[in-house]
C-alpha atoms as a PDB file:
ATOM      1  CA  MET A   1      -6.914  11.201  10.835  1.00  0.00           C
ATOM      2  CA  PRO A   2      -8.863   8.130   9.639  1.00  0.00           C
ATOM      3  CA  LEU A   3      -6.066   6.511   7.634  1.00  0.00           C
ATOM      4  CA  PHE A   4      -3.579   6.918  10.472  1.00  0.00           C
ATOM      5  CA  HIS A   5      -5.940   5.251  12.940  1.00  0.00           C
ATOM      6  CA  ALA A   6      -6.724   2.535  10.378  1.00  0.00           C
ATOM      7  CA  LEU A   7      -2.988   1.840  10.233  1.00  0.00           C
ATOM      8  CA  LEU A   8      -2.874   1.390  14.004  1.00  0.00           C
ATOM      9  CA  ASP A   9      -5.899  -0.919  13.856  1.00  0.00           C
ATOM     10  CA  ARG A  10      -4.284  -3.086  11.174  1.00  0.00           C
ATOM     11  CA  LEU A  11      -1.028  -3.298  13.097  1.00  0.00           C
ATOM     12  CA  THR A  12      -2.775  -4.436  16.251  1.00  0.00           C
ATOM     13  CA  THR A  13      -4.869  -7.138  14.536  1.00  0.00           C
ATOM     14  CA  ALA A  14      -2.070  -8.733  12.514  1.00  0.00           C
ATOM     15  CA  LEU A  15      -0.273 -11.846  13.694  1.00  0.00           C
ATOM     16  CA  PRO A  16       2.063 -11.016  16.592  1.00  0.00           C
ATOM     17  CA  SER A  17       5.806 -10.778  16.132  1.00  0.00           C
ATOM     18  CA  GLN A  18       8.564  -8.494  17.413  1.00  0.00           C
ATOM     19  CA  CYS A  19       8.463  -4.757  16.670  1.00  0.00           C
ATOM     20  CA  ALA A  20      11.325  -3.847  14.322  1.00  0.00           C
ATOM     21  CA  VAL A  21      11.764  -0.472  16.063  1.00  0.00           C
ATOM     22  CA  CYS A  22      11.490  -1.015  19.843  1.00  0.00           C
ATOM     23  CA  HIS A  23      11.827  -4.834  19.782  1.00  0.00           C
ATOM     24  CA  ALA A  24       8.787  -5.257  22.036  1.00  0.00           C
ATOM     25  CA  TRP A  25       7.479  -8.813  22.145  1.00  0.00           C
ATOM     26  CA  PRO A  26       4.825  -9.810  21.365  1.00  0.00           C
ATOM     27  CA  ALA A  27       4.010  -6.927  19.011  1.00  0.00           C
ATOM     28  CA  GLN A  28       3.642  -6.293  15.284  1.00  0.00           C
ATOM     29  CA  ALA A  29       6.267  -5.650  12.619  1.00  0.00           C
ATOM     30  CA  LEU A  30       5.742  -2.002  13.595  1.00  0.00           C
ATOM     31  CA  CYS A  31       4.004  -1.694  16.935  1.00  0.00           C
ATOM     32  CA  GLU A  32       1.245   0.779  17.723  1.00  0.00           C
ATOM     33  CA  ALA A  33       3.374   2.815  20.119  1.00  0.00           C
ATOM     34  CA  CYS A  34       6.233   3.266  17.620  1.00  0.00           C
ATOM     35  CA  VAL A  35       3.922   4.259  14.780  1.00  0.00           C
ATOM     36  CA  ALA A  36       2.176   6.788  17.028  1.00  0.00           C
ATOM     37  CA  ARG A  37       5.504   8.166  18.244  1.00  0.00           C
ATOM     38  CA  PHE A  38       7.624   8.207  15.095  1.00  0.00           C
ATOM     39  CA  ALA A  39       5.219   8.344  12.129  1.00  0.00           C
ATOM     40  CA  GLN A  40       2.965  11.290  12.864  1.00  0.00           C
ATOM     41  CA  PRO A  41       2.097  13.144   9.623  1.00  0.00           C
ATOM     42  CA  ARG A  42       3.724  16.546   9.172  1.00  0.00           C
ATOM     43  CA  PRO A  43       3.139  19.351   6.623  1.00  0.00           C
ATOM     44  CA  ARG A  44       5.178  18.790   3.473  1.00  0.00           C
ATOM     45  CA  CYS A  45       5.701  20.579   0.178  1.00  0.00           C
ATOM     46  CA  ARG A  46       3.321  19.105  -2.369  1.00  0.00           C
ATOM     47  CA  SER A  47       6.034  19.221  -5.044  1.00  0.00           C
ATOM     48  CA  CYS A  48       9.097  17.803  -3.260  1.00  0.00           C
ATOM     49  CA  ALA A  49       7.833  16.490   0.125  1.00  0.00           C
ATOM     50  CA  LEU A  50      10.249  18.559   2.202  1.00  0.00           C
ATOM     51  CA  PRO A  51       8.801  19.864   5.495  1.00  0.00           C
ATOM     52  CA  VAL A  52       7.025  23.228   5.330  1.00  0.00           C
ATOM     53  CA  PRO A  53       5.206  25.354   7.930  1.00  0.00           C
ATOM     54  CA  HIS A  54       1.515  24.716   8.536  1.00  0.00           C
ATOM     55  CA  GLY A  55      -0.607  26.326   5.844  1.00  0.00           C
ATOM     56  CA  VAL A  56       2.164  26.340   3.219  1.00  0.00           C
ATOM     57  CA  GLU A  57       1.633  24.074   0.197  1.00  0.00           C
ATOM     58  CA  ARG A  58       4.911  24.522  -1.694  1.00  0.00           C
ATOM     59  CA  CYS A  59       8.423  25.392  -0.582  1.00  0.00           C
ATOM     60  CA  GLY A  60      10.286  28.367  -2.001  1.00  0.00           C
ATOM     61  CA  ALA A  61      12.592  26.233  -4.141  1.00  0.00           C
ATOM     62  CA  CYS A  62       9.654  24.528  -5.879  1.00  0.00           C
ATOM     63  CA  ILE A  63       7.894  27.836  -6.456  1.00  0.00           C
ATOM     64  CA  LYS A  64      11.059  29.149  -8.075  1.00  0.00           C
ATOM     65  CA  GLN A  65      11.659  26.025 -10.197  1.00  0.00           C
ATOM     66  CA  THR A  66       8.804  23.539 -10.590  1.00  0.00           C
ATOM     67  CA  PRO A  67       9.919  19.890 -10.302  1.00  0.00           C
ATOM     68  CA  PRO A  68       8.792  17.341 -12.927  1.00  0.00           C
ATOM     69  CA  LEU A  69       6.493  15.663 -10.365  1.00  0.00           C
ATOM     70  CA  ASP A  70       2.941  16.997 -10.125  1.00  0.00           C
ATOM     71  CA  LEU A  71       2.682  15.739  -6.540  1.00  0.00           C
ATOM     72  CA  CYS A  72       5.215  14.232  -4.154  1.00  0.00           C
ATOM     73  CA  LEU A  73       4.312  12.394  -0.944  1.00  0.00           C
ATOM     74  CA  ALA A  74       6.478  10.927   1.821  1.00  0.00           C
ATOM     75  CA  ALA A  75       5.372   8.808   4.754  1.00  0.00           C
ATOM     76  CA  VAL A  76       8.180   9.609   7.207  1.00  0.00           C
ATOM     77  CA  ALA A  77      11.439  11.503   7.544  1.00  0.00           C
ATOM     78  CA  TYR A  78      14.625   9.587   6.809  1.00  0.00           C
ATOM     79  CA  GLU A  79      15.801   9.758  10.412  1.00  0.00           C
ATOM     80  CA  TYR A  80      15.731   7.574  13.525  1.00  0.00           C
ATOM     81  CA  PRO A  81      14.243   4.987  13.624  1.00  0.00           C
ATOM     82  CA  TRP A  82      13.330   4.754   9.958  1.00  0.00           C
ATOM     83  CA  SER A  83      16.795   5.269   8.460  1.00  0.00           C
ATOM     84  CA  GLY A  84      18.199   2.216  10.227  1.00  0.00           C
ATOM     85  CA  LEU A  85      15.091   0.152   9.616  1.00  0.00           C
ATOM     86  CA  ILE A  86      15.089   0.919   5.884  1.00  0.00           C
ATOM     87  CA  ALA A  87      18.776   0.051   5.622  1.00  0.00           C
ATOM     88  CA  ARG A  88      18.100  -3.325   7.256  1.00  0.00           C
ATOM     89  CA  TYR A  89      15.082  -3.815   4.998  1.00  0.00           C
ATOM     90  CA  LYS A  90      17.058  -3.160   1.806  1.00  0.00           C
ATOM     91  CA  PHE A  91      20.451  -4.607   2.592  1.00  0.00           C
ATOM     92  CA  GLY A  92      19.555  -7.219   5.162  1.00  0.00           C
ATOM     93  CA  ALA A  93      17.367  -9.366   2.905  1.00  0.00           C
ATOM     94  CA  SER A  94      14.191  -8.570   4.827  1.00  0.00           C
ATOM     95  CA  PRO A  95      11.410  -8.381   2.209  1.00  0.00           C
ATOM     96  CA  GLY A  96       8.981  -9.628   4.856  1.00  0.00           C
ATOM     97  CA  TRP A  97       8.748  -6.067   6.190  1.00  0.00           C
ATOM     98  CA  SER A  98       7.236  -4.852   2.892  1.00  0.00           C
ATOM     99  CA  GLN A  99       3.617  -5.179   3.975  1.00  0.00           C
ATOM    100  CA  ALA A 100       4.020  -3.154   7.182  1.00  0.00           C
ATOM    101  CA  LEU A 101       6.062  -0.463   5.422  1.00  0.00           C
ATOM    102  CA  ALA A 102       3.575  -0.252   2.548  1.00  0.00           C
ATOM    103  CA  LEU A 103       0.783   0.199   5.089  1.00  0.00           C
ATOM    104  CA  LEU A 104       2.774   3.075   6.574  1.00  0.00           C
ATOM    105  CA  MET A 105       2.970   4.643   3.094  1.00  0.00           C
ATOM    106  CA  ARG A 106      -0.750   4.161   2.498  1.00  0.00           C
ATOM    107  CA  SER A 107      -1.505   6.078   5.709  1.00  0.00           C
ATOM    108  CA  THR A 108       0.300   9.157   4.327  1.00  0.00           C
ATOM    109  CA  PRO A 109      -2.046  12.117   3.728  1.00  0.00           C
ATOM    110  CA  TRP A 110      -3.219  12.116   0.081  1.00  0.00           C
ATOM    111  CA  ALA A 111      -1.650   8.703  -0.629  1.00  0.00           C
ATOM    112  CA  GLU A 112      -4.964   6.834  -0.766  1.00  0.00           C
ATOM    113  CA  PRO A 113      -6.516   9.239  -3.325  1.00  0.00           C
ATOM    114  CA  ALA A 114      -3.300   9.097  -5.377  1.00  0.00           C
ATOM    115  CA  LEU A 115      -3.419   5.292  -5.431  1.00  0.00           C
ATOM    116  CA  ASP A 116      -7.094   5.318  -6.409  1.00  0.00           C
ATOM    117  CA  ALA A 117      -6.553   7.872  -9.191  1.00  0.00           C
ATOM    118  CA  ALA A 118      -3.459   6.210 -10.684  1.00  0.00           C
ATOM    119  CA  ASP A 119      -3.811   4.306 -13.932  1.00  0.00           C
ATOM    120  CA  LEU A 120      -0.386   2.703 -13.469  1.00  0.00           C
ATOM    121  CA  VAL A 121       1.827   2.225 -10.416  1.00  0.00           C
ATOM    122  CA  LEU A 122       5.489   2.000 -11.394  1.00  0.00           C
ATOM    123  CA  PRO A 123       8.253   1.003  -8.953  1.00  0.00           C
ATOM    124  CA  MET A 124      11.627   2.612  -9.484  1.00  0.00           C
ATOM    125  CA  PRO A 125      13.657  -0.095 -11.249  1.00  0.00           C
ATOM    126  CA  LEU A 126      17.005  -1.430 -10.074  1.00  0.00           C
ATOM    127  CA  SER A 127      19.892  -2.339 -12.307  1.00  0.00           C
ATOM    128  CA  SER A 128      20.449  -6.068 -12.771  1.00  0.00           C
ATOM    129  CA  GLU A 129      23.685  -5.825 -10.783  1.00  0.00           C
ATOM    130  CA  ARG A 130      21.995  -4.078  -7.822  1.00  0.00           C
ATOM    131  CA  LEU A 131      19.144  -6.580  -7.969  1.00  0.00           C
ATOM    132  CA  ARG A 132      21.579  -9.493  -7.744  1.00  0.00           C
ATOM    133  CA  GLN A 133      23.283  -7.908  -4.741  1.00  0.00           C
ATOM    134  CA  ARG A 134      20.075  -7.258  -2.781  1.00  0.00           C
ATOM    135  CA  GLY A 135      17.978 -10.195  -3.942  1.00  0.00           C
ATOM    136  CA  PHE A 136      14.837  -8.087  -4.372  1.00  0.00           C
ATOM    137  CA  ASN A 137      13.691  -4.652  -5.493  1.00  0.00           C
ATOM    138  CA  GLN A 138      12.295  -2.928  -2.417  1.00  0.00           C
ATOM    139  CA  ALA A 139      10.315  -0.409  -4.507  1.00  0.00           C
ATOM    140  CA  LEU A 140       8.616  -3.263  -6.369  1.00  0.00           C
ATOM    141  CA  GLU A 141       7.715  -5.089  -3.159  1.00  0.00           C
ATOM    142  CA  LEU A 142       6.208  -1.906  -1.721  1.00  0.00           C
ATOM    143  CA  ALA A 143       4.264  -1.237  -4.931  1.00  0.00           C
ATOM    144  CA  ARG A 144       2.867  -4.772  -5.005  1.00  0.00           C
ATOM    145  CA  HIS A 145       1.496  -4.342  -1.502  1.00  0.00           C
ATOM    146  CA  LEU A 146       0.108  -0.894  -2.292  1.00  0.00           C
ATOM    147  CA  ALA A 147      -1.588  -1.647  -5.620  1.00  0.00           C
ATOM    148  CA  PRO A 148      -1.065  -5.193  -6.926  1.00  0.00           C
ATOM    149  CA  ASP A 149      -3.514  -4.809  -9.823  1.00  0.00           C
ATOM    150  CA  LYS A 150      -1.927  -1.589 -11.096  1.00  0.00           C
ATOM    151  CA  THR A 151       1.765  -2.341 -10.607  1.00  0.00           C
ATOM    152  CA  ARG A 152       3.790  -2.840 -13.798  1.00  0.00           C
ATOM    153  CA  THR A 153       7.468  -3.667 -14.175  1.00  0.00           C
ATOM    154  CA  ASP A 154       7.632  -3.670 -17.980  1.00  0.00           C
ATOM    155  CA  VAL A 155       7.073   0.056 -18.581  1.00  0.00           C
ATOM    156  CA  LEU A 156       9.819   1.997 -16.778  1.00  0.00           C
ATOM    157  CA  LEU A 157      13.284   0.500 -17.232  1.00  0.00           C
ATOM    158  CA  ARG A 158      16.712   1.075 -15.743  1.00  0.00           C
ATOM    159  CA  LEU A 159      18.909   1.544 -18.808  1.00  0.00           C
ATOM    160  CA  HIS A 160      22.306   1.302 -17.115  1.00  0.00           C
ATOM    161  CA  ASP A 161      23.872   0.886 -13.698  1.00  0.00           C
ATOM    162  CA  THR A 162      25.145   3.935 -11.814  1.00  0.00           C
ATOM    163  CA  PRO A 163      27.105   4.446  -8.599  1.00  0.00           C
ATOM    164  CA  ALA A 164      24.932   4.489  -5.478  1.00  0.00           C
ATOM    165  CA  GLN A 165      23.309   7.901  -5.060  1.00  0.00           C
ATOM    166  CA  SER A 166      24.013   7.874  -1.319  1.00  0.00           C
ATOM    167  CA  THR A 167      27.744   8.215  -2.000  1.00  0.00           C
ATOM    168  CA  LEU A 168      27.443  11.398  -4.065  1.00  0.00           C
ATOM    169  CA  PRO A 169      26.829  15.121  -3.410  1.00  0.00           C
ATOM    170  CA  ARG A 170      23.682  16.701  -4.861  1.00  0.00           C
ATOM    171  CA  ALA A 171      25.160  18.044  -8.126  1.00  0.00           C
ATOM    172  CA  ALA A 172      26.824  14.705  -8.823  1.00  0.00           C
ATOM    173  CA  ARG A 173      23.548  12.866  -8.125  1.00  0.00           C
ATOM    174  CA  LEU A 174      21.837  14.819 -10.882  1.00  0.00           C
ATOM    175  CA  ARG A 175      24.607  14.016 -13.362  1.00  0.00           C
ATOM    176  CA  ASN A 176      24.780  10.416 -12.186  1.00  0.00           C
ATOM    177  CA  VAL A 177      21.227   9.484 -13.197  1.00  0.00           C
ATOM    178  CA  GLN A 178      20.959  11.433 -16.445  1.00  0.00           C
ATOM    179  CA  GLY A 179      19.737   8.940 -19.037  1.00  0.00           C
ATOM    180  CA  ALA A 180      19.522   6.151 -16.457  1.00  0.00           C
ATOM    181  CA  PHE A 181      15.776   5.553 -16.994  1.00  0.00           C
ATOM    182  CA  GLY A 182      13.651   5.064 -20.064  1.00  0.00           C
ATOM    183  CA  VAL A 183      10.326   3.758 -21.280  1.00  0.00           C
ATOM    184  CA  ALA A 184      10.312   0.244 -22.717  1.00  0.00           C
ATOM    185  CA  ALA A 185       9.855  -0.097 -26.466  1.00  0.00           C
ATOM    186  CA  GLY A 186       6.193  -0.271 -27.405  1.00  0.00           C
ATOM    187  CA  GLN A 187       4.990   0.991 -24.002  1.00  0.00           C
ATOM    188  CA  ALA A 188       4.638   4.706 -24.784  1.00  0.00           C
ATOM    189  CA  ALA A 189       1.022   4.258 -25.880  1.00  0.00           C
ATOM    190  CA  ARG A 190       0.216   2.816 -22.459  1.00  0.00           C
ATOM    191  CA  LEU A 191       1.422   6.055 -20.845  1.00  0.00           C
ATOM    192  CA  ARG A 192      -0.326   8.579 -23.065  1.00  0.00           C
ATOM    193  CA  GLU A 193      -2.682  10.815 -21.074  1.00  0.00           C
ATOM    194  CA  ARG A 194      -2.380   8.477 -18.065  1.00  0.00           C
ATOM    195  CA  ARG A 195      -1.943   9.212 -14.376  1.00  0.00           C
ATOM    196  CA  ILE A 196       1.239   7.569 -13.076  1.00  0.00           C
ATOM    197  CA  LEU A 197       2.279   6.833  -9.493  1.00  0.00           C
ATOM    198  CA  LEU A 198       6.026   6.339  -8.993  1.00  0.00           C
ATOM    199  CA  ILE A 199       7.074   4.307  -5.932  1.00  0.00           C
ATOM    200  CA  ASP A 200      10.445   4.372  -4.160  1.00  0.00           C
ATOM    201  CA  ASP A 201      11.744   3.720  -0.681  1.00  0.00           C
ATOM    202  CA  VAL A 202      13.897   6.823  -0.053  1.00  0.00           C
ATOM    203  CA  MET A 203      14.009  10.245  -1.695  1.00  0.00           C
ATOM    204  CA  THR A 204      17.143  12.275  -1.046  1.00  0.00           C
ATOM    205  CA  SER A 205      17.837  14.915  -3.692  1.00  0.00           C
ATOM    206  CA  GLY A 206      14.988  13.723  -5.885  1.00  0.00           C
ATOM    207  CA  ALA A 207      17.354  13.183  -8.824  1.00  0.00           C
ATOM    208  CA  SER A 208      16.271   9.603  -9.565  1.00  0.00           C
ATOM    209  CA  LEU A 209      12.537  10.270  -9.272  1.00  0.00           C
ATOM    210  CA  HIS A 210      12.829  13.430 -11.357  1.00  0.00           C
ATOM    211  CA  THR A 211      14.800  11.718 -14.109  1.00  0.00           C
ATOM    212  CA  ALA A 212      12.275   8.882 -14.255  1.00  0.00           C
ATOM    213  CA  ALA A 213       9.398  11.392 -14.300  1.00  0.00           C
ATOM    214  CA  GLN A 214      10.982  13.247 -17.200  1.00  0.00           C
ATOM    215  CA  ALA A 215      11.179  10.025 -19.218  1.00  0.00           C
ATOM    216  CA  LEU A 216       7.531   9.251 -18.475  1.00  0.00           C
ATOM    217  CA  ARG A 217       6.474  12.801 -19.323  1.00  0.00           C
ATOM    218  CA  ALA A 218       8.321  12.628 -22.635  1.00  0.00           C
ATOM    219  CA  ALA A 219       6.335   9.469 -23.426  1.00  0.00           C
ATOM    220  CA  GLY A 220       3.062  11.309 -22.855  1.00  0.00           C
ATOM    221  CA  ALA A 221       2.115  10.773 -19.199  1.00  0.00           C
ATOM    222  CA  ALA A 222      -0.439  13.385 -18.139  1.00  0.00           C
ATOM    223  CA  HIS A 223       0.103  13.434 -14.363  1.00  0.00           C
ATOM    224  CA  ILE A 224       2.919  11.974 -12.252  1.00  0.00           C
ATOM    225  CA  THR A 225       2.915  11.530  -8.479  1.00  0.00           C
ATOM    226  CA  GLY A 226       5.857  10.290  -6.453  1.00  0.00           C
ATOM    227  CA  LEU A 227       5.156   8.306  -3.280  1.00  0.00           C
ATOM    228  CA  VAL A 228       8.125   7.368  -1.095  1.00  0.00           C
ATOM    229  CA  LEU A 229       8.520   5.709   2.254  1.00  0.00           C
ATOM    230  CA  ALA A 230      11.042   8.224   3.595  1.00  0.00           C
ATOM    231  CA  ARG A 231      12.300  11.688   2.677  1.00  0.00           C
ATOM    232  CA  THR A 232      15.770  12.928   3.599  1.00  0.00           C
ATOM    233  CA  GLU A 233      15.433  16.324   5.227  1.00  0.00           C
END
């Protein structure tokens, strides 16, 4: 597909470095061979981004209970090599990988039209404590590389810190983030009848994205798409 090949072209014309996956040198942050091998697009549910058979648009769970996202897109599965790479990106103070990872997200089927159609691109916010620990918000860095002119950090807020979602089972994840996100005072008018693109690095149960989407919907957003780097399967 054109976007996938454009990704390979960009990776091969950037300044050389060492591939973060196979460690080939000289290469790019993500070399052509690793992208071709590990980032091939696969059919996914349009509502939750879980894998589905070819020809199927929505999984059974989303047909039974519609999620608060109108569209959900994921670039890759949260598995080797991406799970380790994302962990090093987030917790290893490696914001320099943001551009290559954002390019991977942009190559996702339907991502480019979603970026073009969005009125606002909102990164999932971190709590101040989590931001101090990591030194940067990975969702914000990805959003800035995807759509710098549309990215806003003053609309969707993290209202309080919560335990890391990765440490909790699914039911506890849903309870954990209830009320964790809200729309900043005076920003509801900016959301009314707008198309919103939510950006995050990893989607596991979807609890965080769904809670944020509910807050945006309550403020009047007309259409909400989630775009994530990786989806746990």
